[in-house]
Structures are given as structure tokens and as C-alpha cells.
């Protein structure tokens, strides 16, 4: 593994300084909300189906 993949001493990585890093900061919250909503919906669907299958 190359040394470039490891974080620097201040915790940042070389990719954090990339020109597109601002895009990640701009859209990161939107993606996090979408991802969380997807996971919650998938879990609800999964457990709802389990309850339906186990019902007499």
C-alpha cells in the first residue's frame, strides 16, 4: 500500500484537498438524509414482511 493513502498528521487526506471536495461538503447532508431514509424504509419493509409471514 502506498503512503499516499494514509492520512496526514492533522487527520486530513490528500483527497480532502481535491478541487471537488466542496461538492462533497455541499451535497453530503442531502446524501446522508437520503441514505438514512432508504435504510429506515428497507428495515421497516423487512420487519413488516416478517410480521406478516409469521401471522397465523
N, C-alpha and C. Protein backbone atom coordinates (compact mmCIF):
# COMPACT_ATOMS: atom_id res chain seq x y z
N UNK A 1 0.85 -1.17 0.00
CA UNK A 1 0.00 0.00 0.00
C UNK A 1 0.90 1.24 0.00
N UNK A 2 0.53 2.23 -0.76
CA UNK A 2 1.37 3.42 -0.85
C UNK A 2 1.12 4.34 0.34
N UNK A 3 2.09 5.16 0.64
CA UNK A 3 1.97 6.10 1.75
C UNK A 3 0.93 7.19 1.47
N UNK A 4 0.56 7.39 0.21
CA UNK A 4 -0.39 8.45 -0.13
C UNK A 4 -1.80 8.16 0.37
N UNK A 5 -2.13 6.90 0.65
CA UNK A 5 -3.48 6.57 1.10
C UNK A 5 -3.66 6.81 2.60
N UNK A 6 -2.57 7.00 3.34
CA UNK A 6 -2.68 7.22 4.76
C UNK A 6 -2.93 8.69 5.05
N UNK A 7 -3.70 8.98 6.12
CA UNK A 7 -3.94 10.39 6.45
C UNK A 7 -2.67 11.08 6.95
N UNK A 8 -2.68 12.38 6.78
CA UNK A 8 -1.59 13.19 7.30
C UNK A 8 -1.74 13.31 8.81
N UNK A 9 -0.78 13.93 9.45
CA UNK A 9 -0.80 14.05 10.91
C UNK A 9 -2.00 14.85 11.41
N UNK A 10 -2.52 15.76 10.62
CA UNK A 10 -3.67 16.55 11.07
C UNK A 10 -5.00 15.86 10.81
N UNK A 11 -4.98 14.61 10.29
CA UNK A 11 -6.20 13.86 10.07
C UNK A 11 -6.78 14.01 8.67
N UNK A 12 -6.29 14.96 7.90
CA UNK A 12 -6.79 15.13 6.55
C UNK A 12 -6.11 14.14 5.61
N UNK A 13 -6.67 13.96 4.45
CA UNK A 13 -6.06 13.12 3.43
C UNK A 13 -5.78 13.97 2.22
N UNK A 14 -5.00 13.42 1.30
CA UNK A 14 -4.67 14.16 0.08
C UNK A 14 -5.95 14.45 -0.71
N UNK A 15 -6.93 13.55 -0.67
CA UNK A 15 -8.16 13.75 -1.43
C UNK A 15 -9.01 14.88 -0.86
N UNK A 16 -8.85 15.18 0.43
CA UNK A 16 -9.63 16.26 1.02
C UNK A 16 -9.26 17.61 0.41
N UNK A 17 -8.10 17.70 -0.20
CA UNK A 17 -7.67 18.95 -0.82
C UNK A 17 -8.00 19.01 -2.30
N UNK A 18 -8.67 17.98 -2.82
CA UNK A 18 -9.03 17.95 -4.23
C UNK A 18 -10.02 19.07 -4.54
N UNK A 19 -10.00 19.56 -5.79
CA UNK A 19 -10.92 20.65 -6.15
C UNK A 19 -12.39 20.31 -5.97
N UNK A 20 -12.76 19.05 -6.06
CA UNK A 20 -14.16 18.67 -5.91
C UNK A 20 -14.60 18.44 -4.48
N UNK A 21 -13.73 18.70 -3.52
CA UNK A 21 -14.09 18.45 -2.12
C UNK A 21 -15.27 19.32 -1.69
N UNK A 22 -15.39 20.50 -2.24
CA UNK A 22 -16.51 21.38 -1.88
C UNK A 22 -17.84 20.76 -2.28
N UNK A 23 -17.84 19.97 -3.35
CA UNK A 23 -19.07 19.32 -3.78
C UNK A 23 -19.53 18.30 -2.74
N UNK A 24 -18.59 17.57 -2.18
CA UNK A 24 -18.93 16.61 -1.13
C UNK A 24 -19.49 17.29 0.10
N UNK A 25 -18.92 18.42 0.46
CA UNK A 25 -19.44 19.17 1.61
C UNK A 25 -20.80 19.75 1.31
N UNK A 26 -21.01 20.15 0.07
CA UNK A 26 -22.28 20.74 -0.32
C UNK A 26 -23.40 19.71 -0.34
N UNK A 27 -23.14 18.54 -0.90
CA UNK A 27 -24.17 17.52 -1.08
C UNK A 27 -24.15 16.41 -0.03
N UNK A 28 -23.18 16.44 0.87
CA UNK A 28 -23.05 15.38 1.86
C UNK A 28 -24.28 15.22 2.74
N UNK A 29 -24.85 16.30 3.18
CA UNK A 29 -26.05 16.24 4.03
C UNK A 29 -27.24 15.66 3.30
N UNK A 30 -27.41 16.05 2.04
CA UNK A 30 -28.51 15.52 1.23
C UNK A 30 -28.36 14.02 1.06
N UNK A 31 -27.15 13.59 0.76
CA UNK A 31 -26.90 12.15 0.59
C UNK A 31 -27.11 11.40 1.90
N UNK A 32 -26.66 11.96 3.00
CA UNK A 32 -26.83 11.30 4.30
C UNK A 32 -28.31 11.14 4.65
N UNK A 33 -29.11 12.18 4.40
CA UNK A 33 -30.55 12.08 4.67
C UNK A 33 -31.20 11.03 3.78
N UNK A 34 -30.84 11.02 2.49
CA UNK A 34 -31.40 10.04 1.56
C UNK A 34 -31.02 8.62 1.99
N UNK A 35 -29.76 8.42 2.33
CA UNK A 35 -29.27 7.11 2.71
C UNK A 35 -29.97 6.62 3.98
N UNK A 36 -30.10 7.49 4.97
CA UNK A 36 -30.76 7.12 6.21
C UNK A 36 -32.22 6.76 5.97
N UNK A 37 -32.89 7.55 5.12
CA UNK A 37 -34.29 7.26 4.80
C UNK A 37 -34.42 5.92 4.09
N UNK A 38 -33.52 5.63 3.17
CA UNK A 38 -33.54 4.35 2.46
C UNK A 38 -33.36 3.19 3.44
N UNK A 39 -32.39 3.31 4.34
CA UNK A 39 -32.14 2.23 5.31
C UNK A 39 -33.35 2.03 6.22
N UNK A 40 -33.97 3.12 6.67
CA UNK A 40 -35.13 3.01 7.55
C UNK A 40 -36.30 2.37 6.81
N UNK A 41 -36.52 2.77 5.57
CA UNK A 41 -37.61 2.18 4.79
C UNK A 41 -37.36 0.70 4.52
N UNK A 42 -36.13 0.34 4.19
CA UNK A 42 -35.79 -1.06 3.94
C UNK A 42 -35.99 -1.90 5.20
N UNK A 43 -35.57 -1.37 6.35
CA UNK A 43 -35.74 -2.10 7.61
C UNK A 43 -37.22 -2.25 7.93
N UNK A 44 -37.99 -1.20 7.76
CA UNK A 44 -39.43 -1.28 8.03
C UNK A 44 -40.09 -2.30 7.12
N UNK A 45 -39.74 -2.29 5.86
CA UNK A 45 -40.30 -3.25 4.91
C UNK A 45 -39.90 -4.67 5.30
N UNK A 46 -38.64 -4.87 5.65
CA UNK A 46 -38.16 -6.19 6.03
C UNK A 46 -38.91 -6.73 7.24
N UNK A 47 -39.01 -5.94 8.29
CA UNK A 47 -39.65 -6.42 9.51
C UNK A 47 -41.17 -6.50 9.36
N UNK A 48 -41.75 -5.66 8.53
CA UNK A 48 -43.19 -5.75 8.27
C UNK A 48 -43.48 -7.06 7.55
N UNK A 49 -42.66 -7.43 6.58
CA UNK A 49 -42.86 -8.69 5.88
C UNK A 49 -42.69 -9.87 6.82
N UNK A 50 -41.72 -9.78 7.75
CA UNK A 50 -41.54 -10.86 8.72
C UNK A 50 -42.77 -11.01 9.59
N UNK A 51 -43.37 -9.90 10.02
CA UNK A 51 -44.56 -9.96 10.87
C UNK A 51 -45.75 -10.54 10.09
N UNK A 52 -45.87 -10.19 8.84
CA UNK A 52 -46.96 -10.70 8.02
C UNK A 52 -46.81 -12.20 7.82
N UNK A 53 -45.59 -12.68 7.54
CA UNK A 53 -45.35 -14.09 7.31
C UNK A 53 -45.57 -14.91 8.57
N UNK A 54 -45.30 -14.34 9.76
CA UNK A 54 -45.41 -15.08 11.00
C UNK A 54 -46.84 -15.05 11.56
N UNK A 55 -47.69 -14.23 10.99
CA UNK A 55 -49.07 -14.16 11.47
C UNK A 55 -49.82 -15.43 11.09
N UNK A 56 -50.74 -15.89 11.98
CA UNK A 56 -51.49 -17.13 11.67
C UNK A 56 -52.50 -16.94 10.57
